[in-house]
Amino acid sequence: MFEKKGTFVIAAGQADEETLMDIALEAGADDVSSDAEVVEITCHPTAFLTVKQALEAKNISTISANSP
């Protein structure tokens, strides 16, 4: 069964992965994964706004942000 998740895609140069992980997980995100170009954060739909606000508070812009 598929579970709906909120997602954020951030350019890898916005912040280091550990910083992004700390911000995201403290805000309620479920997972943070990365490759050479982007970092993807996933969260439960109820945590979407909180994660979004936490990223904005640290001036981290997203390539995309999708709420289910």
Protein backbone atom coordinates (compact mmCIF):
# COMPACT_ATOMS: atom_id res chain seq x y z
CA MET A 1 0.00 0.00 0.00
CA PHE A 2 1.29 3.44 -0.88
CA GLU A 3 1.50 6.09 1.80
CA LYS A 4 1.12 9.77 0.91
CA LYS A 5 4.16 11.85 1.81
CA GLY A 6 5.20 15.46 1.53
CA THR A 7 8.46 15.99 -0.34
CA PHE A 8 11.03 18.74 -0.58
CA VAL A 9 13.85 18.80 -3.11
CA ILE A 10 16.78 21.05 -2.28
CA ALA A 11 19.93 21.78 -4.30
CA ALA A 12 22.87 20.03 -2.64
CA GLY A 13 24.78 23.32 -2.28
CA GLN A 14 22.13 25.00 -0.08
CA ALA A 15 23.52 23.43 3.10
CA ASP A 16 25.46 20.36 4.05
CA GLU A 17 23.51 17.14 4.44
CA GLU A 18 23.99 16.94 8.21
CA THR A 19 22.59 20.44 8.72
CA LEU A 20 19.61 19.71 6.50
CA MET A 21 19.04 16.43 8.32
CA ASP A 22 19.07 18.16 11.72
CA ILE A 23 16.64 20.87 10.56
CA ALA A 24 14.29 18.42 8.86
CA LEU A 25 14.19 15.76 11.56
CA GLU A 26 13.70 18.32 14.35
CA ALA A 27 10.73 19.68 12.37
CA GLY A 28 9.14 16.23 12.02
CA ALA A 29 10.45 14.88 8.71
CA ASP A 30 10.60 11.12 8.20
CA ASP A 31 13.67 10.81 5.99
CA VAL A 32 16.47 12.74 4.32
CA SER A 33 18.35 11.31 1.34
CA SER A 34 20.85 12.84 -1.04
CA ASP A 35 22.96 12.41 -4.11
CA ALA A 36 25.55 14.69 -5.71
CA GLU A 37 22.95 17.18 -6.98
CA VAL A 38 19.97 17.25 -4.61
CA VAL A 39 18.75 16.46 -1.12
CA GLU A 40 15.24 15.03 -0.78
CA ILE A 41 13.26 15.33 2.43
CA THR A 42 10.08 13.33 2.98
CA CYS A 43 7.52 13.85 5.71
CA HIS A 44 4.03 12.91 6.81
CA PRO A 45 1.42 15.31 5.36
CA THR A 46 0.70 16.74 8.82
CA ALA A 47 4.38 17.74 9.21
CA PHE A 48 4.65 19.42 5.78
CA LEU A 49 4.00 22.99 6.92
CA THR A 50 6.31 22.67 9.94
CA VAL A 51 9.17 21.34 7.80
CA LYS A 52 8.56 24.06 5.20
CA GLN A 53 8.66 26.77 7.88
CA ALA A 54 11.84 25.32 9.42
CA LEU A 55 13.60 25.40 6.04
CA GLU A 56 12.40 28.95 5.35
CA ALA A 57 13.58 30.08 8.80
CA LYS A 58 17.11 28.96 7.84
CA ASN A 59 16.85 30.63 4.39
CA ILE A 60 16.99 27.29 2.60
CA SER A 61 15.15 27.46 -0.71
CA THR A 62 13.64 24.43 -2.38
CA ILE A 63 13.67 23.32 -6.00
CA SER A 64 10.25 21.83 -5.34
CA ALA A 65 7.94 21.29 -2.39
CA ASN A 66 4.92 19.03 -2.77
CA SER A 67 2.22 18.29 -0.26
CA PRO A 68 -0.03 15.29 -0.92
